[in-house]
Amino acid sequence: MSASTHAGAPVAARPLTIPVSETMPWLIGALVLGLLLYYFIGIDEGATSVFGNTMVIHEFVHDGRHFLAFPCH
């Protein structure tokens, strides 16, 4: 007997409902993480860095910048 039938009759699938109050922290966290990744990979240029005039972050993600088509030179 398959899992989708019970005594020969098909069982209707019910959609899973998740309240917005439970998903909002995950959505906000994903947005913040995405914006941070976008900044460090796509925008941080060393001279315009919020961490001062350092190229450490730029050099760390340099190849990833080119792979994702962000110009940096």
N, C-alpha and C. Protein backbone atom coordinates (compact mmCIF):
# COMPACT_ATOMS: atom_id res chain seq x y z
N MET A 1 0.85 -1.17 0.00
CA MET A 1 0.00 0.00 0.00
C MET A 1 0.89 1.24 0.00
N SER A 2 0.60 2.20 -0.85
CA SER A 2 1.43 3.41 -0.94
C SER A 2 1.04 4.39 0.16
N ALA A 3 1.90 5.39 0.36
CA ALA A 3 1.66 6.38 1.41
C ALA A 3 0.55 7.36 1.03
N SER A 4 0.23 7.48 -0.27
CA SER A 4 -0.76 8.48 -0.66
C SER A 4 -2.19 7.94 -0.64
N THR A 5 -2.35 6.70 -0.30
CA THR A 5 -3.71 6.16 -0.22
C THR A 5 -3.95 5.55 1.15
N HIS A 6 -5.18 5.58 1.55
CA HIS A 6 -5.58 4.96 2.80
C HIS A 6 -6.82 4.12 2.51
N ALA A 7 -6.69 2.86 2.58
CA ALA A 7 -7.78 1.92 2.29
C ALA A 7 -8.31 2.12 0.88
N GLY A 8 -7.41 2.41 -0.07
CA GLY A 8 -7.81 2.54 -1.46
C GLY A 8 -8.27 3.92 -1.88
N ALA A 9 -8.55 4.82 -0.94
CA ALA A 9 -9.01 6.16 -1.29
C ALA A 9 -7.82 7.13 -1.27
N PRO A 10 -7.73 8.00 -2.26
CA PRO A 10 -6.62 8.96 -2.26
C PRO A 10 -6.75 9.96 -1.13
N VAL A 11 -5.61 10.32 -0.57
CA VAL A 11 -5.57 11.29 0.53
C VAL A 11 -5.17 12.64 -0.05
N ALA A 12 -5.97 13.65 0.19
CA ALA A 12 -5.67 15.00 -0.32
C ALA A 12 -4.54 15.62 0.48
N ALA A 13 -3.59 16.21 -0.21
CA ALA A 13 -2.47 16.87 0.45
C ALA A 13 -2.92 18.23 0.95
N ARG A 14 -2.57 18.55 2.18
CA ARG A 14 -2.90 19.84 2.75
C ARG A 14 -1.66 20.73 2.72
N PRO A 15 -1.80 21.99 2.32
CA PRO A 15 -0.62 22.87 2.32
C PRO A 15 -0.16 23.17 3.74
N LEU A 16 1.13 23.30 3.89
CA LEU A 16 1.71 23.63 5.18
C LEU A 16 1.69 25.14 5.34
N THR A 17 1.10 25.63 6.40
CA THR A 17 1.06 27.07 6.64
C THR A 17 2.04 27.41 7.74
N ILE A 18 2.88 28.40 7.46
CA ILE A 18 3.86 28.87 8.44
C ILE A 18 3.55 30.33 8.72
N PRO A 19 3.34 30.69 9.97
CA PRO A 19 3.01 32.08 10.29
C PRO A 19 4.16 33.03 9.95
N VAL A 20 3.82 34.25 9.54
CA VAL A 20 4.82 35.24 9.18
C VAL A 20 5.71 35.56 10.38
N SER A 21 5.14 35.52 11.58
CA SER A 21 5.93 35.84 12.78
C SER A 21 7.07 34.84 12.98
N GLU A 22 6.96 33.64 12.45
CA GLU A 22 8.03 32.66 12.57
C GLU A 22 9.05 32.79 11.44
N THR A 23 8.64 33.27 10.28
CA THR A 23 9.55 33.37 9.15
C THR A 23 10.25 34.71 9.07
N MET A 24 9.70 35.75 9.67
CA MET A 24 10.28 37.09 9.56
C MET A 24 11.73 37.16 10.08
N PRO A 25 12.07 36.58 11.22
CA PRO A 25 13.48 36.64 11.66
C PRO A 25 14.43 35.97 10.64
N TRP A 26 14.01 34.89 10.02
CA TRP A 26 14.84 34.22 9.02
C TRP A 26 14.99 35.08 7.78
N LEU A 27 13.91 35.74 7.35
CA LEU A 27 13.98 36.62 6.19
C LEU A 27 14.87 37.82 6.45
N ILE A 28 14.75 38.42 7.61
CA ILE A 28 15.58 39.57 7.96
C ILE A 28 17.04 39.15 8.08
N GLY A 29 17.29 38.02 8.70
CA GLY A 29 18.66 37.51 8.82
C GLY A 29 19.29 37.22 7.47
N ALA A 30 18.51 36.63 6.56
CA ALA A 30 19.02 36.35 5.21
C ALA A 30 19.30 37.65 4.46
N LEU A 31 18.45 38.65 4.64
CA LEU A 31 18.66 39.95 4.00
C LEU A 31 19.93 40.61 4.52
N VAL A 32 20.13 40.62 5.82
CA VAL A 32 21.33 41.23 6.41
C VAL A 32 22.58 40.49 5.95
N LEU A 33 22.56 39.17 5.96
CA LEU A 33 23.70 38.39 5.51
C LEU A 33 23.98 38.65 4.03
N GLY A 34 22.95 38.71 3.22
CA GLY A 34 23.12 38.99 1.80
C GLY A 34 23.71 40.36 1.55
N LEU A 35 23.23 41.37 2.28
CA LEU A 35 23.78 42.72 2.12
C LEU A 35 25.24 42.80 2.57
N LEU A 36 25.58 42.10 3.65
CA LEU A 36 26.98 42.08 4.09
C LEU A 36 27.87 41.40 3.06
N LEU A 37 27.42 40.29 2.52
CA LEU A 37 28.20 39.61 1.48
C LEU A 37 28.34 40.50 0.25
N TYR A 38 27.27 41.16 -0.14
CA TYR A 38 27.32 42.06 -1.29
C TYR A 38 28.32 43.19 -1.06
N TYR A 39 28.32 43.75 0.15
CA TYR A 39 29.27 44.82 0.45
C TYR A 39 30.70 44.32 0.38
N PHE A 40 31.00 43.23 1.08
CA PHE A 40 32.38 42.77 1.16
C PHE A 40 32.90 42.25 -0.17
N ILE A 41 32.06 41.61 -0.97
CA ILE A 41 32.51 41.07 -2.24
C ILE A 41 32.40 42.11 -3.35
N GLY A 42 31.36 42.92 -3.36
CA GLY A 42 31.12 43.78 -4.49
C GLY A 42 31.49 45.23 -4.34
N ILE A 43 31.53 45.75 -3.13
CA ILE A 43 31.70 47.19 -2.98
C ILE A 43 33.01 47.57 -2.29
N ASP A 44 33.44 46.83 -1.28
CA ASP A 44 34.63 47.18 -0.52
C ASP A 44 35.84 47.25 -1.44
N GLU A 45 36.44 48.43 -1.54
CA GLU A 45 37.56 48.65 -2.47
C GLU A 45 38.86 49.03 -1.77
N GLY A 46 38.93 48.96 -0.48
CA GLY A 46 40.16 49.35 0.21
C GLY A 46 40.15 50.82 0.56
N ALA A 47 40.28 51.69 -0.44
CA ALA A 47 40.31 53.13 -0.19
C ALA A 47 38.95 53.64 0.30
N THR A 48 37.88 53.01 -0.14
CA THR A 48 36.54 53.42 0.29
C THR A 48 35.96 52.48 1.35
N SER A 49 36.81 51.71 1.96
CA SER A 49 36.36 50.74 2.95
C SER A 49 35.90 51.43 4.23
N VAL A 50 34.90 50.87 4.88
CA VAL A 50 34.45 51.40 6.17
C VAL A 50 35.43 51.03 7.27
N PHE A 51 36.39 50.16 6.96
CA PHE A 51 37.38 49.73 7.96
C PHE A 51 38.70 50.47 7.81
N GLY A 52 38.73 51.55 7.06
CA GLY A 52 39.95 52.32 6.88
C GLY A 52 40.61 51.99 5.55
N ASN A 53 41.79 52.51 5.35
CA ASN A 53 42.51 52.36 4.10
C ASN A 53 43.30 51.04 4.12
N THR A 54 42.60 49.94 4.04
CA THR A 54 43.23 48.63 4.04
C THR A 54 42.71 47.81 2.88
N MET A 55 43.57 47.02 2.29
CA MET A 55 43.20 46.19 1.14
C MET A 55 43.04 44.73 1.51
N VAL A 56 43.02 44.41 2.79
CA VAL A 56 42.98 43.02 3.24
C VAL A 56 41.72 42.32 2.76
N ILE A 57 40.57 42.92 2.97
CA ILE A 57 39.31 42.29 2.56
C ILE A 57 39.23 42.22 1.04
N HIS A 58 39.65 43.29 0.37
CA HIS A 58 39.62 43.31 -1.09
C HIS A 58 40.48 42.17 -1.67
N GLU A 59 41.66 42.00 -1.14
CA GLU A 59 42.54 40.94 -1.65
C GLU A 59 42.00 39.56 -1.28
N PHE A 60 41.34 39.44 -0.14
CA PHE A 60 40.80 38.15 0.28
C PHE A 60 39.71 37.66 -0.67
N VAL A 61 38.87 38.57 -1.16
CA VAL A 61 37.76 38.19 -2.04
C VAL A 61 38.02 38.57 -3.50
N HIS A 62 39.27 38.87 -3.84
CA HIS A 62 39.61 39.38 -5.16
C HIS A 62 39.17 38.45 -6.29
N ASP A 63 39.51 37.19 -6.23
CA ASP A 63 39.14 36.26 -7.31
C ASP A 63 37.63 36.06 -7.38
N GLY A 64 36.97 36.07 -6.22
CA GLY A 64 35.51 35.96 -6.21
C GLY A 64 34.85 37.16 -6.87
N ARG A 65 35.45 38.33 -6.70
CA ARG A 65 34.92 39.54 -7.34
C ARG A 65 34.93 39.38 -8.86
N HIS A 66 36.06 38.92 -9.38
CA HIS A 66 36.15 38.74 -10.83
C HIS A 66 35.22 37.63 -11.31
N PHE A 67 35.11 36.57 -10.56
CA PHE A 67 34.23 35.46 -10.93
C PHE A 67 32.78 35.92 -11.00
N LEU A 68 32.38 36.83 -10.10
CA LEU A 68 31.01 37.35 -10.07
C LEU A 68 30.85 38.61 -10.93
N ALA A 69 31.86 38.95 -11.70
CA ALA A 69 31.84 40.05 -12.67
C ALA A 69 31.78 41.43 -12.02
N PHE A 70 32.33 41.60 -10.82
CA PHE A 70 32.46 42.91 -10.20
C PHE A 70 33.80 43.49 -10.64
N PRO A 71 33.81 44.69 -11.20
CA PRO A 71 35.11 45.29 -11.57
C PRO A 71 35.84 45.79 -10.33
N CYS A 72 37.14 45.71 -10.36
CA CYS A 72 37.89 46.23 -9.20
C CYS A 72 39.22 46.86 -9.59
N HIS A 73 39.54 46.93 -10.85
CA HIS A 73 40.81 47.56 -11.26
C HIS A 73 40.51 48.72 -12.16
